[in-house]
Amino acid sequence: MTVYDFANRHGLWHRIEQAVAVLVPDGQTFLERIRSVPVKASKATRSLGCYYSRGSEPRCIRLQFVQEPDALRQTFLHEVAHLCDHLLTFQGKMYRGGHGKNWQHWAKSFKISSERCGHSPAVAKLHQERLKVVAVCERCQQPIYRQRRLPSRRQYLHAGCGGRLRPV
């Protein structure tokens, strides 16, 4: 799936076209550039989406599709704002824009919040479901939950009581 496919399916392509018409002198060429960027599913449960580039080239937009429909549309436009900021402000360079002034212009033109992080109860629930016990404190017996195991070549102390953690 591409940016155009996703935006068209969710009724957002017109909003992207309007923003590009206002902010970019050669809008059609710019739209052609962003329309073919892939949109992929993300396995992450701590972020709703991300824009990924390598060097000066955009690679893809990753989205956590489990989130609510409205949050998914907001997240998609948030990541497209990163894509547009990269292509316009950092032409031929690595993307170092973050959520600065130029990115905020894109967010405003897409009519989305300029917040850095969003929240989705569905993604939070997915994260909780994936947690498993990875260690137990030898002193207080409290279980430690994570998605991934602790690296085995190190020893860890429980922040609560100072006891050693025993991997499970």
N, C-alpha and C. Protein backbone atom coordinates (compact mmCIF):
# COMPACT_ATOMS: atom_id res chain seq x y z
N MET A 1 0.84 -1.17 0.00
CA MET A 1 0.00 0.00 0.00
C MET A 1 0.90 1.25 0.00
N THR A 2 0.47 2.28 -0.69
CA THR A 2 1.24 3.52 -0.78
C THR A 2 0.52 4.64 -0.03
N VAL A 3 1.19 5.78 0.08
CA VAL A 3 0.58 6.95 0.71
C VAL A 3 -0.72 7.30 -0.01
N TYR A 4 -0.68 7.27 -1.34
CA TYR A 4 -1.89 7.61 -2.10
C TYR A 4 -3.02 6.62 -1.82
N ASP A 5 -2.70 5.32 -1.82
CA ASP A 5 -3.71 4.29 -1.57
C ASP A 5 -4.37 4.49 -0.21
N PHE A 6 -3.55 4.67 0.82
CA PHE A 6 -4.07 4.83 2.17
C PHE A 6 -4.89 6.12 2.28
N ALA A 7 -4.34 7.21 1.77
CA ALA A 7 -5.03 8.50 1.86
C ALA A 7 -6.35 8.48 1.10
N ASN A 8 -6.36 7.86 -0.06
CA ASN A 8 -7.58 7.75 -0.86
C ASN A 8 -8.64 6.91 -0.15
N ARG A 9 -8.22 5.79 0.43
CA ARG A 9 -9.13 4.89 1.12
C ARG A 9 -9.77 5.56 2.34
N HIS A 10 -9.05 6.47 2.99
CA HIS A 10 -9.54 7.11 4.21
C HIS A 10 -10.01 8.55 3.98
N GLY A 11 -10.12 8.95 2.72
CA GLY A 11 -10.63 10.28 2.40
C GLY A 11 -9.72 11.42 2.79
N LEU A 12 -8.40 11.21 2.72
CA LEU A 12 -7.44 12.22 3.15
C LEU A 12 -6.62 12.81 2.02
N TRP A 13 -6.69 12.25 0.83
CA TRP A 13 -5.84 12.72 -0.27
C TRP A 13 -6.16 14.17 -0.63
N HIS A 14 -7.42 14.54 -0.58
CA HIS A 14 -7.80 15.93 -0.90
C HIS A 14 -7.16 16.90 0.10
N ARG A 15 -7.12 16.52 1.37
CA ARG A 15 -6.50 17.37 2.39
C ARG A 15 -5.00 17.54 2.12
N ILE A 16 -4.35 16.46 1.68
CA ILE A 16 -2.92 16.52 1.35
C ILE A 16 -2.71 17.42 0.13
N GLU A 17 -3.55 17.25 -0.89
CA GLU A 17 -3.44 18.09 -2.09
C GLU A 17 -3.59 19.57 -1.76
N GLN A 18 -4.55 19.91 -0.90
CA GLN A 18 -4.77 21.31 -0.53
C GLN A 18 -3.56 21.89 0.19
N ALA A 19 -2.99 21.14 1.11
CA ALA A 19 -1.82 21.61 1.85
C ALA A 19 -0.63 21.81 0.93
N VAL A 20 -0.41 20.87 0.03
CA VAL A 20 0.71 20.97 -0.91
C VAL A 20 0.53 22.18 -1.83
N ALA A 21 -0.71 22.43 -2.28
CA ALA A 21 -0.97 23.57 -3.15
C ALA A 21 -0.61 24.89 -2.47
N VAL A 22 -0.80 24.96 -1.17
CA VAL A 22 -0.51 26.20 -0.43
C VAL A 22 0.99 26.33 -0.13
N LEU A 23 1.66 25.23 0.21
CA LEU A 23 3.03 25.30 0.73
C LEU A 23 4.14 25.00 -0.26
N VAL A 24 3.80 24.44 -1.43
CA VAL A 24 4.85 24.01 -2.37
C VAL A 24 4.64 24.68 -3.72
N PRO A 25 5.68 25.35 -4.25
CA PRO A 25 5.55 26.02 -5.56
C PRO A 25 5.20 25.06 -6.70
N ASP A 26 5.93 23.94 -6.85
CA ASP A 26 5.66 22.97 -7.90
C ASP A 26 4.92 21.78 -7.29
N GLY A 27 3.65 21.96 -7.01
CA GLY A 27 2.87 21.00 -6.26
C GLY A 27 2.69 19.66 -6.91
N GLN A 28 2.50 19.61 -8.23
CA GLN A 28 2.24 18.32 -8.89
C GLN A 28 3.44 17.39 -8.82
N THR A 29 4.63 17.91 -9.02
CA THR A 29 5.84 17.10 -8.93
C THR A 29 6.01 16.58 -7.51
N PHE A 30 5.75 17.45 -6.55
CA PHE A 30 5.86 17.09 -5.14
C PHE A 30 4.86 15.98 -4.79
N LEU A 31 3.63 16.11 -5.25
CA LEU A 31 2.61 15.08 -4.99
C LEU A 31 3.00 13.74 -5.60
N GLU A 32 3.58 13.77 -6.80
CA GLU A 32 4.03 12.54 -7.43
C GLU A 32 5.09 11.85 -6.59
N ARG A 33 5.93 12.66 -5.96
CA ARG A 33 7.01 12.12 -5.15
C ARG A 33 6.48 11.43 -3.89
N ILE A 34 5.47 12.05 -3.24
CA ILE A 34 4.99 11.47 -1.98
C ILE A 34 3.96 10.36 -2.19
N ARG A 35 3.27 10.36 -3.30
CA ARG A 35 2.18 9.40 -3.49
C ARG A 35 2.65 7.96 -3.54
N SER A 36 3.89 7.71 -3.95
CA SER A 36 4.36 6.33 -4.10
C SER A 36 5.14 5.80 -2.90
N VAL A 37 5.28 6.60 -1.84
CA VAL A 37 5.99 6.13 -0.64
C VAL A 37 5.16 5.03 0.02
N PRO A 38 5.77 3.89 0.34
CA PRO A 38 5.01 2.77 0.93
C PRO A 38 4.51 3.07 2.35
N VAL A 39 3.36 2.51 2.68
CA VAL A 39 2.82 2.53 4.04
C VAL A 39 2.79 1.08 4.51
N LYS A 40 3.48 0.82 5.64
CA LYS A 40 3.62 -0.55 6.12
C LYS A 40 3.09 -0.67 7.54
N ALA A 41 2.76 -1.88 7.93
CA ALA A 41 2.31 -2.15 9.29
C ALA A 41 3.50 -2.15 10.24
N SER A 42 3.31 -1.56 11.40
CA SER A 42 4.35 -1.52 12.43
C SER A 42 4.06 -2.56 13.49
N LYS A 43 5.10 -3.16 14.04
CA LYS A 43 4.94 -4.10 15.14
C LYS A 43 5.06 -3.40 16.49
N ALA A 44 5.45 -2.13 16.48
CA ALA A 44 5.68 -1.39 17.72
C ALA A 44 4.37 -1.19 18.48
N THR A 45 4.48 -1.22 19.80
CA THR A 45 3.31 -0.96 20.63
C THR A 45 3.54 0.25 21.54
N ARG A 46 4.67 0.93 21.39
CA ARG A 46 4.94 2.12 22.18
C ARG A 46 4.81 3.39 21.35
N SER A 47 4.64 3.26 20.05
CA SER A 47 4.40 4.42 19.19
C SER A 47 3.29 4.07 18.20
N LEU A 48 2.58 5.09 17.78
CA LEU A 48 1.46 4.87 16.86
C LEU A 48 1.90 4.81 15.41
N GLY A 49 3.04 5.43 15.12
CA GLY A 49 3.55 5.42 13.75
C GLY A 49 4.92 6.05 13.69
N CYS A 50 5.57 5.92 12.54
CA CYS A 50 6.87 6.59 12.34
C CYS A 50 7.11 6.78 10.85
N TYR A 51 7.88 7.84 10.56
CA TYR A 51 8.34 8.09 9.20
C TYR A 51 9.78 7.61 9.15
N TYR A 52 10.10 6.79 8.16
CA TYR A 52 11.43 6.22 8.07
C TYR A 52 12.08 6.66 6.77
N SER A 53 13.30 7.18 6.90
CA SER A 53 14.07 7.56 5.71
C SER A 53 15.49 7.04 5.90
N ARG A 54 16.17 6.87 4.79
CA ARG A 54 17.58 6.49 4.83
C ARG A 54 18.33 7.50 3.98
N GLY A 55 19.22 8.23 4.62
CA GLY A 55 19.94 9.28 3.92
C GLY A 55 18.96 10.35 3.46
N SER A 56 19.00 10.66 2.19
CA SER A 56 18.13 11.71 1.66
C SER A 56 16.83 11.16 1.10
N GLU A 57 16.67 9.86 1.12
CA GLU A 57 15.49 9.24 0.49
C GLU A 57 14.47 8.74 1.49
N PRO A 58 13.19 9.07 1.28
CA PRO A 58 12.14 8.49 2.12
C PRO A 58 12.00 7.00 1.81
N ARG A 59 11.85 6.19 2.86
CA ARG A 59 11.69 4.74 2.67
C ARG A 59 10.25 4.30 2.85
N CYS A 60 9.62 4.69 3.98
CA CYS A 60 8.24 4.27 4.21
C CYS A 60 7.66 5.02 5.41
N ILE A 61 6.36 4.84 5.56
CA ILE A 61 5.65 5.27 6.75
C ILE A 61 5.15 4.00 7.40
N ARG A 62 5.44 3.83 8.69
CA ARG A 62 4.98 2.66 9.42
C ARG A 62 3.86 3.09 10.36
N LEU A 63 2.76 2.34 10.34
CA LEU A 63 1.60 2.65 11.18
C LEU A 63 1.19 1.43 11.98
N GLN A 64 0.74 1.66 13.20
CA GLN A 64 0.15 0.61 14.02
C GLN A 64 -1.34 0.61 13.70
N PHE A 65 -1.79 -0.36 12.91
CA PHE A 65 -3.16 -0.39 12.40
C PHE A 65 -4.20 -0.78 13.45
N VAL A 66 -3.78 -1.19 14.65
CA VAL A 66 -4.70 -1.59 15.70
C VAL A 66 -5.46 -0.39 16.26
N GLN A 67 -4.90 0.80 16.14
CA GLN A 67 -5.50 1.98 16.77
C GLN A 67 -6.87 2.34 16.19
N GLU A 68 -7.60 3.16 16.90
CA GLU A 68 -8.93 3.58 16.51
C GLU A 68 -8.88 4.32 15.17
N PRO A 69 -9.96 4.28 14.37
CA PRO A 69 -9.95 4.88 13.03
C PRO A 69 -9.56 6.36 13.00
N ASP A 70 -10.09 7.16 13.92
CA ASP A 70 -9.75 8.59 13.92
C ASP A 70 -8.28 8.80 14.28
N ALA A 71 -7.80 8.06 15.27
CA ALA A 71 -6.39 8.15 15.66
C ALA A 71 -5.49 7.68 14.53
N LEU A 72 -5.91 6.67 13.78
CA LEU A 72 -5.13 6.17 12.65
C LEU A 72 -4.99 7.26 11.58
N ARG A 73 -6.07 7.96 11.27
CA ARG A 73 -6.01 9.04 10.28
C ARG A 73 -5.10 10.16 10.76
N GLN A 74 -5.21 10.53 12.05
CA GLN A 74 -4.36 11.58 12.61
C GLN A 74 -2.88 11.17 12.56
N THR A 75 -2.60 9.93 12.93
CA THR A 75 -1.22 9.43 12.91
C THR A 75 -0.67 9.42 11.49
N PHE A 76 -1.48 8.98 10.54
CA PHE A 76 -1.05 8.96 9.15
C PHE A 76 -0.68 10.36 8.68
N LEU A 77 -1.54 11.34 8.93
CA LEU A 77 -1.25 12.71 8.51
C LEU A 77 -0.03 13.27 9.24
N HIS A 78 0.15 12.89 10.49
CA HIS A 78 1.33 13.31 11.26
C HIS A 78 2.61 12.82 10.56
N GLU A 79 2.59 11.56 10.14
CA GLU A 79 3.78 11.00 9.47
C GLU A 79 3.95 11.57 8.06
N VAL A 80 2.86 11.84 7.38
CA VAL A 80 2.96 12.49 6.05
C VAL A 80 3.55 13.89 6.21
N ALA A 81 3.24 14.57 7.32
CA ALA A 81 3.83 15.88 7.58
C ALA A 81 5.35 15.75 7.70
N HIS A 82 5.83 14.68 8.34
CA HIS A 82 7.28 14.44 8.40
C HIS A 82 7.85 14.21 7.00
N LEU A 83 7.15 13.41 6.22
CA LEU A 83 7.58 13.13 4.84
C LEU A 83 7.67 14.43 4.04
N CYS A 84 6.65 15.25 4.09
CA CYS A 84 6.63 16.51 3.34
C CYS A 84 7.71 17.46 3.83
N ASP A 85 7.89 17.53 5.15
CA ASP A 85 8.93 18.39 5.73
C ASP A 85 10.30 17.95 5.23
N HIS A 86 10.52 16.64 5.19
CA HIS A 86 11.80 16.11 4.71
C HIS A 86 12.04 16.50 3.24
N LEU A 87 11.05 16.26 2.41
CA LEU A 87 11.23 16.51 0.98
C LEU A 87 11.35 17.98 0.63
N LEU A 88 10.73 18.86 1.40
CA LEU A 88 10.76 20.28 1.08
C LEU A 88 11.90 21.00 1.79
N THR A 89 12.07 20.77 3.07
CA THR A 89 13.05 21.53 3.86
C THR A 89 14.44 20.93 3.79
N PHE A 90 14.54 19.62 3.66
CA PHE A 90 15.83 18.94 3.70
C PHE A 90 16.14 18.27 2.37
N GLN A 91 15.90 18.96 1.27
CA GLN A 91 16.11 18.39 -0.07
C GLN A 91 17.53 17.88 -0.22
N GLY A 92 17.65 16.58 -0.54
CA GLY A 92 18.96 15.98 -0.77
C GLY A 92 19.77 15.74 0.49
N LYS A 93 19.17 15.89 1.67
CA LYS A 93 19.89 15.70 2.93
C LYS A 93 19.15 14.72 3.82
N MET A 94 19.83 14.28 4.88
CA MET A 94 19.17 13.44 5.88
C MET A 94 18.10 14.24 6.59
N TYR A 95 17.05 13.57 7.02
CA TYR A 95 15.96 14.27 7.72
C TYR A 95 16.33 14.48 9.18
N ARG A 96 16.36 15.73 9.58
CA ARG A 96 16.66 16.10 10.97
C ARG A 96 15.62 17.07 11.51
N GLY A 97 14.40 17.00 10.96
CA GLY A 97 13.40 18.01 11.26
C GLY A 97 12.68 17.86 12.57
N GLY A 98 12.35 16.65 12.97
CA GLY A 98 11.58 16.48 14.19
C GLY A 98 10.25 17.19 14.13
N HIS A 99 9.92 17.92 15.18
CA HIS A 99 8.64 18.62 15.27
C HIS A 99 8.87 20.12 15.33
N GLY A 100 9.80 20.60 14.52
CA GLY A 100 10.15 22.01 14.49
C GLY A 100 9.13 22.88 13.76
N LYS A 101 9.54 24.11 13.50
CA LYS A 101 8.64 25.10 12.92
C LYS A 101 8.12 24.69 11.54
N ASN A 102 8.97 24.15 10.69
CA ASN A 102 8.53 23.74 9.35
C ASN A 102 7.56 22.58 9.40
N TRP A 103 7.83 21.61 10.28
CA TRP A 103 6.91 20.49 10.44
C TRP A 103 5.56 21.00 10.95
N GLN A 104 5.58 21.96 11.87
CA GLN A 104 4.34 22.49 12.43
C GLN A 104 3.50 23.20 11.37
N HIS A 105 4.16 23.82 10.36
CA HIS A 105 3.40 24.41 9.25
C HIS A 105 2.62 23.32 8.51
N TRP A 106 3.27 22.18 8.29
CA TRP A 106 2.59 21.07 7.62
C TRP A 106 1.44 20.55 8.47
N ALA A 107 1.68 20.37 9.76
CA ALA A 107 0.63 19.88 10.65
C ALA A 107 -0.57 20.83 10.65
N LYS A 108 -0.30 22.11 10.67
CA LYS A 108 -1.38 23.10 10.66
C LYS A 108 -2.15 23.05 9.34
N SER A 109 -1.43 22.89 8.23
CA SER A 109 -2.10 22.84 6.93
C SER A 109 -2.89 21.54 6.75
N PHE A 110 -2.49 20.46 7.43
CA PHE A 110 -3.26 19.21 7.39
C PHE A 110 -4.40 19.22 8.39
N LYS A 111 -4.47 20.27 9.19
CA LYS A 111 -5.51 20.43 10.23
C LYS A 111 -5.44 19.31 11.27
N ILE A 112 -4.21 19.05 11.73
CA ILE A 112 -4.00 18.07 12.80
C ILE A 112 -3.27 18.76 13.95
N SER A 113 -3.30 18.12 15.10
CA SER A 113 -2.61 18.63 16.28
C SER A 113 -1.10 18.56 16.06
N SER A 114 -0.39 19.51 16.62
CA SER A 114 1.07 19.49 16.49
C SER A 114 1.72 18.81 17.69
N GLU A 115 0.96 17.98 18.40
CA GLU A 115 1.53 17.22 19.52
C GLU A 115 2.53 16.20 19.01
N ARG A 116 3.54 15.95 19.81
CA ARG A 116 4.58 15.01 19.44
C ARG A 116 4.11 13.56 19.59
N CYS A 117 3.34 13.26 20.62
CA CYS A 117 2.92 11.89 20.89
C CYS A 117 1.40 11.81 21.00
N GLY A 118 0.85 10.76 20.48
CA GLY A 118 -0.57 10.50 20.62
C GLY A 118 -0.78 9.30 21.53
N HIS A 119 -2.04 9.02 21.82
CA HIS A 119 -2.35 7.87 22.67
C HIS A 119 -3.53 7.12 22.07
N SER A 120 -3.44 5.82 22.11
CA SER A 120 -4.52 4.97 21.63
C SER A 120 -4.75 3.87 22.66
N PRO A 121 -5.96 3.80 23.23
CA PRO A 121 -6.25 2.72 24.17
C PRO A 121 -6.07 1.32 23.56
N ALA A 122 -6.38 1.17 22.29
CA ALA A 122 -6.24 -0.14 21.65
C ALA A 122 -4.77 -0.57 21.57
N VAL A 123 -3.88 0.37 21.26
CA VAL A 123 -2.45 0.04 21.18
C VAL A 123 -1.90 -0.20 22.58
N ALA A 124 -2.36 0.57 23.56
CA ALA A 124 -1.93 0.36 24.95
C ALA A 124 -2.36 -1.04 25.43
N LYS A 125 -3.56 -1.45 25.06
CA LYS A 125 -4.06 -2.79 25.42
C LYS A 125 -3.21 -3.87 24.76
N LEU A 126 -2.86 -3.67 23.49
CA LEU A 126 -2.01 -4.62 22.78
C LEU A 126 -0.66 -4.74 23.48
N HIS A 127 -0.12 -3.60 23.91
CA HIS A 127 1.17 -3.62 24.61
C HIS A 127 1.06 -4.43 25.90
N GLN A 128 -0.01 -4.22 26.67
CA GLN A 128 -0.21 -4.96 27.92
C GLN A 128 -0.34 -6.46 27.67
N GLU A 129 -1.01 -6.83 26.58
CA GLU A 129 -1.18 -8.25 26.26
C GLU A 129 0.14 -8.92 25.90
N ARG A 130 1.07 -8.16 25.35
CA ARG A 130 2.35 -8.74 24.93
C ARG A 130 3.37 -8.84 26.06
N LEU A 131 3.11 -8.20 27.20
CA LEU A 131 4.05 -8.25 28.32
C LEU A 131 4.08 -9.64 28.92
N LYS A 132 5.27 -10.06 29.34
CA LYS A 132 5.41 -11.35 30.01
C LYS A 132 6.45 -11.19 31.12
N VAL A 133 6.43 -12.09 32.08
CA VAL A 133 7.39 -12.05 33.18
C VAL A 133 8.76 -12.45 32.64
N VAL A 134 9.76 -11.59 32.84
CA VAL A 134 11.11 -11.90 32.36
C VAL A 134 12.09 -12.12 33.51
N ALA A 135 11.72 -11.65 34.73
CA ALA A 135 12.60 -11.81 35.88
C ALA A 135 11.77 -11.68 37.15
N VAL A 136 12.36 -12.16 38.26
CA VAL A 136 11.74 -12.04 39.58
C VAL A 136 12.80 -11.53 40.54
N CYS A 137 12.43 -10.58 41.38
CA CYS A 137 13.36 -10.05 42.38
C CYS A 137 13.58 -11.10 43.46
N GLU A 138 14.84 -11.39 43.77
CA GLU A 138 15.16 -12.40 44.78
C GLU A 138 14.82 -11.93 46.18
N ARG A 139 14.79 -10.62 46.41
CA ARG A 139 14.52 -10.10 47.75
C ARG A 139 13.03 -9.98 48.04
N CYS A 140 12.28 -9.31 47.15
CA CYS A 140 10.86 -9.05 47.43
C CYS A 140 9.91 -9.92 46.59
N GLN A 141 10.44 -10.74 45.71
CA GLN A 141 9.66 -11.65 44.87
C GLN A 141 8.74 -10.96 43.86
N GLN A 142 8.97 -9.69 43.58
CA GLN A 142 8.13 -8.98 42.62
C GLN A 142 8.52 -9.39 41.19
N PRO A 143 7.53 -9.74 40.36
CA PRO A 143 7.83 -10.08 38.96
C PRO A 143 8.11 -8.81 38.14
N ILE A 144 8.99 -8.94 37.17
CA ILE A 144 9.33 -7.84 36.25
C ILE A 144 8.77 -8.21 34.88
N TYR A 145 7.95 -7.33 34.33
CA TYR A 145 7.28 -7.57 33.05
C TYR A 145 7.95 -6.76 31.94
N ARG A 146 8.17 -7.41 30.82
CA ARG A 146 8.68 -6.77 29.61
C ARG A 146 8.19 -7.55 28.40
N GLN A 147 8.39 -6.95 27.21
CA GLN A 147 8.08 -7.69 25.99
C GLN A 147 9.24 -8.60 25.61
N ARG A 148 10.47 -8.14 25.87
CA ARG A 148 11.65 -8.93 25.50
C ARG A 148 12.40 -9.37 26.75
N ARG A 149 13.14 -10.45 26.61
CA ARG A 149 13.96 -10.93 27.71
C ARG A 149 15.02 -9.90 28.07
N LEU A 150 15.53 -10.00 29.28
CA LEU A 150 16.69 -9.20 29.68
C LEU A 150 17.94 -9.83 29.08
N PRO A 151 18.90 -9.03 28.62
CA PRO A 151 20.15 -9.62 28.13
C PRO A 151 20.79 -10.47 29.22
N SER A 152 21.27 -11.66 28.86
CA SER A 152 21.70 -12.65 29.85
C SER A 152 23.09 -12.40 30.42
N ARG A 153 23.89 -11.60 29.81
CA ARG A 153 25.27 -11.43 30.26
C ARG A 153 25.44 -10.33 31.31
N ARG A 154 24.33 -9.80 31.80
CA ARG A 154 24.41 -8.74 32.80
C ARG A 154 23.60 -9.14 34.02
N GLN A 155 23.91 -8.48 35.13
CA GLN A 155 23.12 -8.67 36.34
C GLN A 155 22.35 -7.38 36.60
N TYR A 156 21.13 -7.52 37.07
CA TYR A 156 20.25 -6.38 37.27
C TYR A 156 19.78 -6.31 38.71
N LEU A 157 19.53 -5.08 39.19
CA LEU A 157 19.00 -4.86 40.51
C LEU A 157 17.60 -4.28 40.39
N HIS A 158 16.73 -4.69 41.31
CA HIS A 158 15.36 -4.19 41.33
C HIS A 158 15.39 -2.75 41.85
N ALA A 159 14.82 -1.83 41.10
CA ALA A 159 14.82 -0.42 41.47
C ALA A 159 14.04 -0.18 42.76
N GLY A 160 13.04 -1.01 43.04
CA GLY A 160 12.20 -0.82 44.22
C GLY A 160 12.88 -1.16 45.54
N CYS A 161 13.60 -2.29 45.58
CA CYS A 161 14.17 -2.74 46.87
C CYS A 161 15.68 -2.98 46.80
N GLY A 162 16.27 -2.97 45.62
CA GLY A 162 17.70 -3.18 45.50
C GLY A 162 18.11 -4.64 45.40
N GLY A 163 17.14 -5.57 45.41
CA GLY A 163 17.46 -7.00 45.31
C GLY A 163 17.88 -7.38 43.89
N ARG A 164 18.58 -8.50 43.77
CA ARG A 164 19.01 -8.97 42.45
C ARG A 164 17.83 -9.56 41.70
N LEU A 165 17.83 -9.36 40.38
CA LEU A 165 16.79 -9.92 39.54
C LEU A 165 17.25 -11.27 38.99
N ARG A 166 16.41 -12.26 39.14
CA ARG A 166 16.69 -13.60 38.62
C ARG A 166 15.86 -13.79 37.34
N PRO A 167 16.54 -13.98 36.19
CA PRO A 167 15.78 -14.19 34.94
C PRO A 167 14.92 -15.43 35.03
N VAL A 168 13.76 -15.39 34.38
CA VAL A 168 12.84 -16.52 34.38
C VAL A 168 13.04 -17.34 33.13
